[in-house]
Full PDB file with SEQRES, HELIX, SHEET, SSBOND, CRYST1, ORIGX, SCALE, CONECT and MASTER records, all heavy atoms in Angstrom:
SEQRES   1 A   42  GLY MET TRP SER SER GLU ALA GLY GLN ALA MET LEU VAL          
SEQRES   2 A   42  LEU SER ALA ASP CYS LEU PRO ILE ALA VAL CYS ARG THR          
SEQRES   3 A   42  GLY GLU THR PRO ALA LEU ALA ALA VAL HIS ALA GLY TRP          
SEQRES   4 A   42  ARG GLY LEU                                                  
SHEET    1 AA1 3 MET A   2  SER A   4  0                                        
SHEET    2 AA1 3 LEU A  32  ALA A  37 -1                                        
SHEET    3 AA1 3 LEU A  19  CYS A  24 -1                                        
CRYST1    1.000    1.000    1.000  90.00  90.00  90.00 P 1           1          
ORIGX1      1.000000  0.000000  0.000000        0.00000                         
ORIGX2      0.000000  1.000000  0.000000        0.00000                         
ORIGX3      0.000000  0.000000  1.000000        0.00000                         
SCALE1      1.000000  0.000000  0.000000        0.00000                         
SCALE2      0.000000  1.000000  0.000000        0.00000                         
SCALE3      0.000000  0.000000  1.000000        0.00000                         
ATOM      1  N   GLY A   1     257.272  63.581 116.134  1.00  0.00           N  
ATOM      2  CA  GLY A   1     257.280  62.132 116.119  1.00  0.00           C  
ATOM      3  C   GLY A   1     256.543  61.554 117.270  1.00  0.00           C  
ATOM      4  O   GLY A   1     256.510  62.113 118.375  1.00  0.00           O  
ATOM      5  N   MET A   2     255.939  60.380 117.086  1.00  0.00           N  
ATOM      6  CA  MET A   2     255.198  59.672 118.085  1.00  0.00           C  
ATOM      7  C   MET A   2     255.544  58.164 117.965  1.00  0.00           C  
ATOM      8  O   MET A   2     255.998  57.712 116.944  1.00  0.00           O  
ATOM      9  CB  MET A   2     253.691  59.811 117.931  1.00  0.00           C  
ATOM     10  CG  MET A   2     253.195  61.222 117.917  1.00  0.00           C  
ATOM     11  SD  MET A   2     251.459  61.315 117.271  1.00  0.00           S  
ATOM     12  CE  MET A   2     251.828  61.253 115.514  1.00  0.00           C  
ATOM     13  N   TRP A   3     255.317  57.450 119.087  1.00  0.00           N  
ATOM     14  CA  TRP A   3     255.506  56.005 119.009  1.00  0.00           C  
ATOM     15  C   TRP A   3     254.455  55.338 119.865  1.00  0.00           C  
ATOM     16  O   TRP A   3     253.839  55.945 120.810  1.00  0.00           O  
ATOM     17  CB  TRP A   3     256.889  55.607 119.491  1.00  0.00           C  
ATOM     18  CG  TRP A   3     257.121  55.715 120.998  1.00  0.00           C  
ATOM     19  CD1 TRP A   3     257.511  56.820 121.665  1.00  0.00           C  
ATOM     20  CD2 TRP A   3     256.987  54.686 121.960  1.00  0.00           C  
ATOM     21  NE1 TRP A   3     257.543  56.599 122.991  1.00  0.00           N  
ATOM     22  CE2 TRP A   3     257.232  55.260 123.213  1.00  0.00           C  
ATOM     23  CE3 TRP A   3     256.603  53.347 121.867  1.00  0.00           C  
ATOM     24  CZ2 TRP A   3     257.175  54.500 124.378  1.00  0.00           C  
ATOM     25  CZ3 TRP A   3     256.564  52.587 123.041  1.00  0.00           C  
ATOM     26  CH2 TRP A   3     256.823  53.171 124.300  1.00  0.00           C  
ATOM     27  N   SER A   4     254.138  54.078 119.554  1.00  0.00           N  
ATOM     28  CA  SER A   4     253.169  53.322 120.329  1.00  0.00           C  
ATOM     29  C   SER A   4     253.468  51.823 120.165  1.00  0.00           C  
ATOM     30  O   SER A   4     253.900  51.408 119.082  1.00  0.00           O  
ATOM     31  CB  SER A   4     251.707  53.616 119.791  1.00  0.00           C  
ATOM     32  OG  SER A   4     250.802  52.865 120.544  1.00  0.00           O  
ATOM     33  N   SER A   5     253.158  51.088 121.221  1.00  0.00           N  
ATOM     34  CA  SER A   5     253.198  49.646 121.183  1.00  0.00           C  
ATOM     35  C   SER A   5     251.789  49.033 121.364  1.00  0.00           C  
ATOM     36  O   SER A   5     251.601  47.851 121.411  1.00  0.00           O  
ATOM     37  CB  SER A   5     254.146  49.049 122.268  1.00  0.00           C  
ATOM     38  OG  SER A   5     253.722  49.525 123.518  1.00  0.00           O  
ATOM     39  N   GLU A   6     250.801  49.940 121.490  1.00  0.00           N  
ATOM     40  CA  GLU A   6     249.391  49.569 121.701  1.00  0.00           C  
ATOM     41  C   GLU A   6     248.672  49.193 120.407  1.00  0.00           C  
ATOM     42  O   GLU A   6     248.642  49.994 119.483  1.00  0.00           O  
ATOM     43  CB  GLU A   6     248.671  50.669 122.413  1.00  0.00           C  
ATOM     44  CG  GLU A   6     247.196  50.339 122.704  1.00  0.00           C  
ATOM     45  CD  GLU A   6     246.467  51.454 123.352  1.00  0.00           C  
ATOM     46  OE1 GLU A   6     247.126  52.447 123.830  1.00  0.00           O  
ATOM     47  OE2 GLU A   6     245.227  51.423 123.399  1.00  0.00           O  
ATOM     48  N   ALA A   7     248.162  48.024 120.337  1.00  0.00           N  
ATOM     49  CA  ALA A   7     247.417  47.637 119.072  1.00  0.00           C  
ATOM     50  C   ALA A   7     246.271  48.527 118.876  1.00  0.00           C  
ATOM     51  O   ALA A   7     245.467  48.862 119.737  1.00  0.00           O  
ATOM     52  CB  ALA A   7     246.930  46.198 119.246  1.00  0.00           C  
ATOM     53  N   GLY A   8     246.210  48.988 117.607  1.00  0.00           N  
ATOM     54  CA  GLY A   8     245.104  49.876 117.233  1.00  0.00           C  
ATOM     55  C   GLY A   8     245.228  51.374 117.495  1.00  0.00           C  
ATOM     56  O   GLY A   8     244.351  52.165 117.106  1.00  0.00           O  
ATOM     57  N   GLN A   9     246.327  51.747 118.188  1.00  0.00           N  
ATOM     58  CA  GLN A   9     246.517  53.133 118.474  1.00  0.00           C  
ATOM     59  C   GLN A   9     247.208  53.826 117.287  1.00  0.00           C  
ATOM     60  O   GLN A   9     248.382  53.766 117.040  1.00  0.00           O  
ATOM     61  CB  GLN A   9     247.464  53.281 119.703  1.00  0.00           C  
ATOM     62  CG  GLN A   9     247.866  54.778 119.998  1.00  0.00           C  
ATOM     63  CD  GLN A   9     246.668  55.659 120.166  1.00  0.00           C  
ATOM     64  OE1 GLN A   9     246.021  55.611 121.195  1.00  0.00           O  
ATOM     65  NE2 GLN A   9     246.381  56.505 119.167  1.00  0.00           N  
ATOM     66  N   ALA A  10     246.325  54.415 116.435  1.00  0.00           N  
ATOM     67  CA  ALA A  10     246.804  55.010 115.180  1.00  0.00           C  
ATOM     68  C   ALA A  10     247.476  56.356 115.454  1.00  0.00           C  
ATOM     69  O   ALA A  10     247.170  57.082 116.390  1.00  0.00           O  
ATOM     70  CB  ALA A  10     245.634  55.199 114.261  1.00  0.00           C  
ATOM     71  N   MET A  11     248.407  56.670 114.558  1.00  0.00           N  
ATOM     72  CA  MET A  11     249.155  57.951 114.609  1.00  0.00           C  
ATOM     73  C   MET A  11     249.065  58.547 113.206  1.00  0.00           C  
ATOM     74  O   MET A  11     249.320  57.864 112.215  1.00  0.00           O  
ATOM     75  CB  MET A  11     250.578  57.702 115.057  1.00  0.00           C  
ATOM     76  CG  MET A  11     250.730  57.121 116.409  1.00  0.00           C  
ATOM     77  SD  MET A  11     252.454  56.523 116.790  1.00  0.00           S  
ATOM     78  CE  MET A  11     252.441  54.978 115.841  1.00  0.00           C  
ATOM     79  N   LEU A  12     248.825  59.859 113.151  1.00  0.00           N  
ATOM     80  CA  LEU A  12     248.709  60.591 111.898  1.00  0.00           C  
ATOM     81  C   LEU A  12     249.782  61.634 111.798  1.00  0.00           C  
ATOM     82  O   LEU A  12     249.920  62.492 112.766  1.00  0.00           O  
ATOM     83  CB  LEU A  12     247.329  61.230 111.761  1.00  0.00           C  
ATOM     84  CG  LEU A  12     247.056  62.053 110.539  1.00  0.00           C  
ATOM     85  CD1 LEU A  12     247.175  61.227 109.263  1.00  0.00           C  
ATOM     86  CD2 LEU A  12     245.679  62.803 110.587  1.00  0.00           C  
ATOM     87  N   VAL A  13     250.567  61.584 110.803  1.00  0.00           N  
ATOM     88  CA  VAL A  13     251.651  62.538 110.516  1.00  0.00           C  
ATOM     89  C   VAL A  13     251.305  63.268 109.175  1.00  0.00           C  
ATOM     90  O   VAL A  13     250.962  62.609 108.178  1.00  0.00           O  
ATOM     91  CB  VAL A  13     253.003  61.821 110.395  1.00  0.00           C  
ATOM     92  CG1 VAL A  13     254.078  62.801 109.868  1.00  0.00           C  
ATOM     93  CG2 VAL A  13     253.482  61.326 111.770  1.00  0.00           C  
ATOM     94  N   LEU A  14     251.409  64.612 109.176  1.00  0.00           N  
ATOM     95  CA  LEU A  14     251.093  65.354 107.983  1.00  0.00           C  
ATOM     96  C   LEU A  14     252.355  65.843 107.282  1.00  0.00           C  
ATOM     97  O   LEU A  14     253.433  65.969 107.918  1.00  0.00           O  
ATOM     98  CB  LEU A  14     250.261  66.591 108.338  1.00  0.00           C  
ATOM     99  CG  LEU A  14     248.980  66.347 109.191  1.00  0.00           C  
ATOM    100  CD1 LEU A  14     248.239  67.635 109.385  1.00  0.00           C  
ATOM    101  CD2 LEU A  14     248.102  65.331 108.454  1.00  0.00           C  
ATOM    102  N   SER A  15     252.260  66.047 105.974  1.00  0.00           N  
ATOM    103  CA  SER A  15     253.450  66.494 105.226  1.00  0.00           C  
ATOM    104  C   SER A  15     252.973  67.154 103.924  1.00  0.00           C  
ATOM    105  O   SER A  15     251.881  66.943 103.452  1.00  0.00           O  
ATOM    106  CB  SER A  15     254.349  65.310 104.880  1.00  0.00           C  
ATOM    107  OG  SER A  15     253.693  64.346 104.049  1.00  0.00           O  
ATOM    108  N   ALA A  16     253.926  67.989 103.372  1.00  0.00           N  
ATOM    109  CA  ALA A  16     253.686  68.584 102.076  1.00  0.00           C  
ATOM    110  C   ALA A  16     254.984  68.878 101.378  1.00  0.00           C  
ATOM    111  O   ALA A  16     255.149  69.872 100.708  1.00  0.00           O  
ATOM    112  CB  ALA A  16     252.901  69.905 102.246  1.00  0.00           C  
ATOM    113  N   ASP A  17     255.966  68.012 101.628  1.00  0.00           N  
ATOM    114  CA  ASP A  17     257.334  68.007 101.055  1.00  0.00           C  
ATOM    115  C   ASP A  17     258.244  67.302 102.041  1.00  0.00           C  
ATOM    116  O   ASP A  17     259.104  66.515 101.580  1.00  0.00           O  
ATOM    117  CB  ASP A  17     257.922  69.373 100.735  1.00  0.00           C  
ATOM    118  CG  ASP A  17     257.418  69.891  99.385  1.00  0.00           C  
ATOM    119  OD1 ASP A  17     257.008  69.078  98.487  1.00  0.00           O  
ATOM    120  OD2 ASP A  17     257.436  71.121  99.206  1.00  0.00           O  
ATOM    121  N   CYS A  18     258.140  67.566 103.345  1.00  0.00           N  
ATOM    122  CA  CYS A  18     258.896  66.780 104.331  1.00  0.00           C  
ATOM    123  C   CYS A  18     258.585  65.337 104.232  1.00  0.00           C  
ATOM    124  O   CYS A  18     257.550  64.928 103.693  1.00  0.00           O  
ATOM    125  CB  CYS A  18     258.638  67.318 105.738  1.00  0.00           C  
ATOM    126  SG  CYS A  18     259.177  69.034 105.979  1.00  0.00           S  
ATOM    127  N   LEU A  19     259.444  64.515 104.833  1.00  0.00           N  
ATOM    128  CA  LEU A  19     259.367  63.023 104.710  1.00  0.00           C  
ATOM    129  C   LEU A  19     258.500  62.464 105.810  1.00  0.00           C  
ATOM    130  O   LEU A  19     258.788  62.650 107.011  1.00  0.00           O  
ATOM    131  CB  LEU A  19     260.720  62.410 104.760  1.00  0.00           C  
ATOM    132  CG  LEU A  19     261.756  62.931 103.745  1.00  0.00           C  
ATOM    133  CD1 LEU A  19     263.053  62.134 103.892  1.00  0.00           C  
ATOM    134  CD2 LEU A  19     261.266  62.761 102.328  1.00  0.00           C  
ATOM    135  N   PRO A  20     257.427  61.730 105.481  1.00  0.00           N  
ATOM    136  CA  PRO A  20     256.729  60.923 106.483  1.00  0.00           C  
ATOM    137  C   PRO A  20     257.390  59.522 106.558  1.00  0.00           C  
ATOM    138  O   PRO A  20     257.623  58.889 105.556  1.00  0.00           O  
ATOM    139  CB  PRO A  20     255.346  60.785 105.914  1.00  0.00           C  
ATOM    140  CG  PRO A  20     255.509  60.905 104.408  1.00  0.00           C  
ATOM    141  CD  PRO A  20     256.739  61.715 104.158  1.00  0.00           C  
ATOM    142  N   ILE A  21     257.819  59.192 107.735  1.00  0.00           N  
ATOM    143  CA  ILE A  21     258.630  58.002 107.940  1.00  0.00           C  
ATOM    144  C   ILE A  21     258.057  57.143 109.055  1.00  0.00           C  
ATOM    145  O   ILE A  21     257.716  57.675 110.164  1.00  0.00           O  
ATOM    146  CB  ILE A  21     260.120  58.358 108.221  1.00  0.00           C  
ATOM    147  CG1 ILE A  21     260.702  59.131 107.055  1.00  0.00           C  
ATOM    148  CG2 ILE A  21     260.894  57.034 108.487  1.00  0.00           C  
ATOM    149  CD1 ILE A  21     262.109  59.674 107.308  1.00  0.00           C  
ATOM    150  N   ALA A  22     257.915  55.854 108.828  1.00  0.00           N  
ATOM    151  CA  ALA A  22     257.544  54.910 109.880  1.00  0.00           C  
ATOM    152  C   ALA A  22     258.723  53.973 110.179  1.00  0.00           C  
ATOM    153  O   ALA A  22     259.383  53.530 109.288  1.00  0.00           O  
ATOM    154  CB  ALA A  22     256.280  54.085 109.466  1.00  0.00           C  
ATOM    155  N   VAL A  23     258.962  53.770 111.485  1.00  0.00           N  
ATOM    156  CA  VAL A  23     260.004  52.866 111.992  1.00  0.00           C  
ATOM    157  C   VAL A  23     259.388  51.863 112.938  1.00  0.00           C  
ATOM    158  O   VAL A  23     258.582  52.287 113.758  1.00  0.00           O  
ATOM    159  CB  VAL A  23     261.107  53.637 112.667  1.00  0.00           C  
ATOM    160  CG1 VAL A  23     262.310  52.752 113.014  1.00  0.00           C  
ATOM    161  CG2 VAL A  23     261.622  54.852 111.916  1.00  0.00           C  
ATOM    162  N   CYS A  24     259.704  50.610 112.738  1.00  0.00           N  
ATOM    163  CA  CYS A  24     259.056  49.601 113.551  1.00  0.00           C  
ATOM    164  C   CYS A  24     260.030  48.516 114.057  1.00  0.00           C  
ATOM    165  O   CYS A  24     261.084  48.304 113.458  1.00  0.00           O  
ATOM    166  CB  CYS A  24     257.876  48.919 112.833  1.00  0.00           C  
ATOM    167  SG  CYS A  24     258.422  47.911 111.448  1.00  0.00           S  
ATOM    168  N   ARG A  25     259.641  47.911 115.167  1.00  0.00           N  
ATOM    169  CA  ARG A  25     260.399  46.702 115.537  1.00  0.00           C  
ATOM    170  C   ARG A  25     259.932  45.507 114.724  1.00  0.00           C  
ATOM    171  O   ARG A  25     258.770  45.412 114.408  1.00  0.00           O  
ATOM    172  CB  ARG A  25     260.092  46.405 117.031  1.00  0.00           C  
ATOM    173  CG  ARG A  25     260.605  47.369 118.061  1.00  0.00           C  
ATOM    174  CD  ARG A  25     260.243  46.867 119.437  1.00  0.00           C  
ATOM    175  NE  ARG A  25     260.432  47.845 120.451  1.00  0.00           N  
ATOM    176  CZ  ARG A  25     259.669  47.913 121.608  1.00  0.00           C  
ATOM    177  NH1 ARG A  25     258.725  47.046 121.786  1.00  0.00           N  
ATOM    178  NH2 ARG A  25     259.933  48.839 122.440  1.00  0.00           N  
ATOM    179  N   THR A  26     260.848  44.632 114.439  1.00  0.00           N  
ATOM    180  CA  THR A  26     260.513  43.464 113.641  1.00  0.00           C  
ATOM    181  C   THR A  26     260.658  42.178 114.508  1.00  0.00           C  
ATOM    182  O   THR A  26     260.532  41.086 113.946  1.00  0.00           O  
ATOM    183  CB  THR A  26     261.370  43.358 112.374  1.00  0.00           C  
ATOM    184  OG1 THR A  26     262.744  43.267 112.743  1.00  0.00           O  
ATOM    185  CG2 THR A  26     261.156  44.530 111.457  1.00  0.00           C  
ATOM    186  N   GLY A  27     260.881  42.321 115.745  1.00  0.00           N  
ATOM    187  CA  GLY A  27     260.989  41.173 116.655  1.00  0.00           C  
ATOM    188  C   GLY A  27     259.626  40.770 117.189  1.00  0.00           C  
ATOM    189  O   GLY A  27     258.593  41.063 116.633  1.00  0.00           O  
ATOM    190  N   GLU A  28     259.620  40.102 118.333  1.00  0.00           N  
ATOM    191  CA  GLU A  28     258.399  39.541 118.906  1.00  0.00           C  
ATOM    192  C   GLU A  28     257.463  40.588 119.586  1.00  0.00           C  
ATOM    193  O   GLU A  28     256.331  40.333 119.798  1.00  0.00           O  
ATOM    194  CB  GLU A  28     258.709  38.428 119.900  1.00  0.00           C  
ATOM    195  CG  GLU A  28     259.376  37.217 119.210  1.00  0.00           C  
ATOM    196  CD  GLU A  28     259.685  36.105 120.204  1.00  0.00           C  
ATOM    197  OE1 GLU A  28     259.418  36.302 121.416  1.00  0.00           O  
ATOM    198  OE2 GLU A  28     260.196  35.069 119.808  1.00  0.00           O  
ATOM    199  N   THR A  29     258.043  41.715 119.976  1.00  0.00           N  
ATOM    200  CA  THR A  29     257.332  42.737 120.708  1.00  0.00           C  
ATOM    201  C   THR A  29     257.083  43.956 119.801  1.00  0.00           C  
ATOM    202  O   THR A  29     258.010  44.789 119.626  1.00  0.00           O  
ATOM    203  CB  THR A  29     258.006  43.168 121.969  1.00  0.00           C  
ATOM    204  OG1 THR A  29     258.357  42.019 122.777  1.00  0.00           O  
ATOM    205  CG2 THR A  29     257.141  44.094 122.832  1.00  0.00           C  
ATOM    206  N   PRO A  30     255.935  44.075 119.187  1.00  0.00           N  
ATOM    207  CA  PRO A  30     255.634  45.180 118.242  1.00  0.00           C  
ATOM    208  C   PRO A  30     255.741  46.573 118.850  1.00  0.00           C  
ATOM    209  O   PRO A  30     255.233  46.730 119.963  1.00  0.00           O  
ATOM    210  CB  PRO A  30     254.258  44.817 117.623  1.00  0.00           C  
ATOM    211  CG  PRO A  30     254.027  43.413 117.971  1.00  0.00           C  
ATOM    212  CD  PRO A  30     254.711  43.155 119.289  1.00  0.00           C  
ATOM    213  N   ALA A  31     256.233  47.466 118.159  1.00  0.00           N  
ATOM    214  CA  ALA A  31     256.186  48.908 118.496  1.00  0.00           C  
ATOM    215  C   ALA A  31     256.525  49.635 117.209  1.00  0.00           C  
ATOM    216  O   ALA A  31     257.308  49.196 116.369  1.00  0.00           O  
ATOM    217  CB  ALA A  31     257.152  49.291 119.656  1.00  0.00           C  
ATOM    218  N   LEU A  32     255.960  50.859 117.131  1.00  0.00           N  
ATOM    219  CA  LEU A  32     256.000  51.660 115.870  1.00  0.00           C  
ATOM    220  C   LEU A  32     256.191  53.098 116.184  1.00  0.00           C  
ATOM    221  O   LEU A  32     255.523  53.639 117.079  1.00  0.00           O  
ATOM    222  CB  LEU A  32     254.713  51.409 115.045  1.00  0.00           C  
ATOM    223  CG  LEU A  32     254.481  52.146 113.778  1.00  0.00           C  
ATOM    224  CD1 LEU A  32     255.398  51.590 112.726  1.00  0.00           C  
ATOM    225  CD2 LEU A  32     253.019  51.972 113.301  1.00  0.00           C  
ATOM    226  N   ALA A  33     257.012  53.779 115.400  1.00  0.00           N  
ATOM    227  CA  ALA A  33     257.152  55.248 115.521  1.00  0.00           C  
ATOM    228  C   ALA A  33     256.743  55.860 114.170  1.00  0.00           C  
ATOM    229  O   ALA A  33     257.044  55.338 113.088  1.00  0.00           O  
ATOM    230  CB  ALA A  33     258.614  55.606 115.822  1.00  0.00           C  
ATOM    231  N   ALA A  34     256.037  57.008 114.253  1.00  0.00           N  
ATOM    232  CA  ALA A  34     255.661  57.722 113.086  1.00  0.00           C  
ATOM    233  C   ALA A  34     256.295  59.128 113.159  1.00  0.00           C  
ATOM    234  O   ALA A  34     256.140  59.827 114.125  1.00  0.00           O  
ATOM    235  CB  ALA A  34     254.123  57.860 113.078  1.00  0.00           C  
ATOM    236  N   VAL A  35     256.973  59.466 112.111  1.00  0.00           N  
ATOM    237  CA  VAL A  35     257.882  60.649 112.154  1.00  0.00           C  
ATOM    238  C   VAL A  35     257.624  61.600 110.958  1.00  0.00           C  
ATOM    239  O   VAL A  35     257.429  61.133 109.844  1.00  0.00           O  
ATOM    240  CB  VAL A  35     259.320  60.187 112.145  1.00  0.00           C  
ATOM    241  CG1 VAL A  35     260.304  61.375 112.033  1.00  0.00           C  
ATOM    242  CG2 VAL A  35     259.649  59.345 113.307  1.00  0.00           C  
ATOM    243  N   HIS A  36     257.647  62.923 111.218  1.00  0.00           N  
ATOM    244  CA  HIS A  36     257.649  63.970 110.224  1.00  0.00           C  
ATOM    245  C   HIS A  36     259.077  64.513 110.193  1.00  0.00           C  
ATOM    246  O   HIS A  36     259.542  65.107 111.181  1.00  0.00           O  
ATOM    247  CB  HIS A  36     256.653  65.052 110.576  1.00  0.00           C  
ATOM    248  CG  HIS A  36     256.811  66.332 109.916  1.00  0.00           C  
ATOM    249  ND1 HIS A  36     257.496  67.365 110.431  1.00  0.00           N  
ATOM    250  CD2 HIS A  36     256.355  66.806 108.705  1.00  0.00           C  
ATOM    251  CE1 HIS A  36     257.512  68.403 109.622  1.00  0.00           C  
ATOM    252  NE2 HIS A  36     256.780  68.112 108.566  1.00  0.00           N  
ATOM    253  N   ALA A  37     259.823  64.325 109.089  1.00  0.00           N  
ATOM    254  CA  ALA A  37     261.190  64.628 109.038  1.00  0.00           C  
ATOM    255  C   ALA A  37     261.495  65.619 107.855  1.00  0.00           C  
ATOM    256  O   ALA A  37     261.516  65.250 106.726  1.00  0.00           O  
ATOM    257  CB  ALA A  37     262.072  63.422 108.846  1.00  0.00           C  
ATOM    258  N   GLY A  38     261.731  66.894 108.258  1.00  0.00           N  
ATOM    259  CA  GLY A  38     262.263  67.839 107.283  1.00  0.00           C  
ATOM    260  C   GLY A  38     263.716  67.988 107.489  1.00  0.00           C  
ATOM    261  O   GLY A  38     264.389  67.228 108.225  1.00  0.00           O  
ATOM    262  N   TRP A  39     264.373  68.969 106.822  1.00  0.00           N  
ATOM    263  CA  TRP A  39     265.824  69.089 106.908  1.00  0.00           C  
ATOM    264  C   TRP A  39     266.251  69.404 108.383  1.00  0.00           C  
ATOM    265  O   TRP A  39     267.273  68.892 108.813  1.00  0.00           O  
ATOM    266  CB  TRP A  39     266.347  70.122 105.898  1.00  0.00           C  
ATOM    267  CG  TRP A  39     266.148  71.537 106.189  1.00  0.00           C  
ATOM    268  CD1 TRP A  39     265.162  72.317 105.698  1.00  0.00           C  
ATOM    269  CD2 TRP A  39     267.033  72.360 106.960  1.00  0.00           C  
ATOM    270  NE1 TRP A  39     265.316  73.587 106.172  1.00  0.00           N  
ATOM    271  CE2 TRP A  39     266.434  73.715 106.894  1.00  0.00           C  
ATOM    272  CE3 TRP A  39     268.183  72.204 107.632  1.00  0.00           C  
ATOM    273  CZ2 TRP A  39     267.014  74.801 107.563  1.00  0.00           C  
ATOM    274  CZ3 TRP A  39     268.761  73.295 108.297  1.00  0.00           C  
ATOM    275  CH2 TRP A  39     268.174  74.609 108.263  1.00  0.00           C  
ATOM    276  N   ARG A  40     265.508  70.256 109.053  1.00  0.00           N  
ATOM    277  CA  ARG A  40     265.943  70.563 110.434  1.00  0.00           C  
ATOM    278  C   ARG A  40     265.849  69.394 111.328  1.00  0.00           C  
ATOM    279  O   ARG A  40     266.738  69.120 112.114  1.00  0.00           O  
ATOM    280  CB  ARG A  40     265.076  71.704 110.915  1.00  0.00           C  
ATOM    281  CG  ARG A  40     265.313  73.093 110.246  1.00  0.00           C  
ATOM    282  CD  ARG A  40     264.424  74.147 110.832  1.00  0.00           C  
ATOM    283  NE  ARG A  40     264.667  75.453 110.197  1.00  0.00           N  
ATOM    284  CZ  ARG A  40     264.069  75.880 109.096  1.00  0.00           C  
ATOM    285  NH1 ARG A  40     263.208  75.057 108.425  1.00  0.00           N  
ATOM    286  NH2 ARG A  40     264.339  77.048 108.628  1.00  0.00           N  
ATOM    287  N   GLY A  41     264.759  68.606 111.227  1.00  0.00           N  
ATOM    288  CA  GLY A  41     264.585  67.484 112.017  1.00  0.00           C  
ATOM    289  C   GLY A  41     265.591  66.386 111.770  1.00  0.00           C  
ATOM    290  O   GLY A  41     266.109  65.739 112.682  1.00  0.00           O  
ATOM    291  N   LEU A  42     265.929  66.196 110.468  1.00  0.00           N  
ATOM    292  CA  LEU A  42     266.975  65.211 110.186  1.00  0.00           C  
ATOM    293  C   LEU A  42     268.318  65.569 110.811  1.00  0.00           C  
ATOM    294  O   LEU A  42     268.926  64.725 111.469  1.00  0.00           O  
ATOM    295  CB  LEU A  42     267.143  65.101 108.667  1.00  0.00           C  
ATOM    296  CG  LEU A  42     266.079  64.251 107.874  1.00  0.00           C  
ATOM    297  CD1 LEU A  42     266.341  64.409 106.383  1.00  0.00           C  
ATOM    298  CD2 LEU A  42     266.131  62.796 108.295  1.00  0.00           C  
TER     299      LEU A  42                                                      
MASTER        0    0    0    0    3    0    0    6  298    1    0    4          
END                                                                             
């Protein structure tokens, strides 16, 4: 998993059955996490 609050800083997560999940803030200060979640990670 990675996170960033920097505009334009892209994150790439790979998968082939595990879950690709994005989590973000919805308030005034943007930030985003990109996650690869399999059963162990969950």
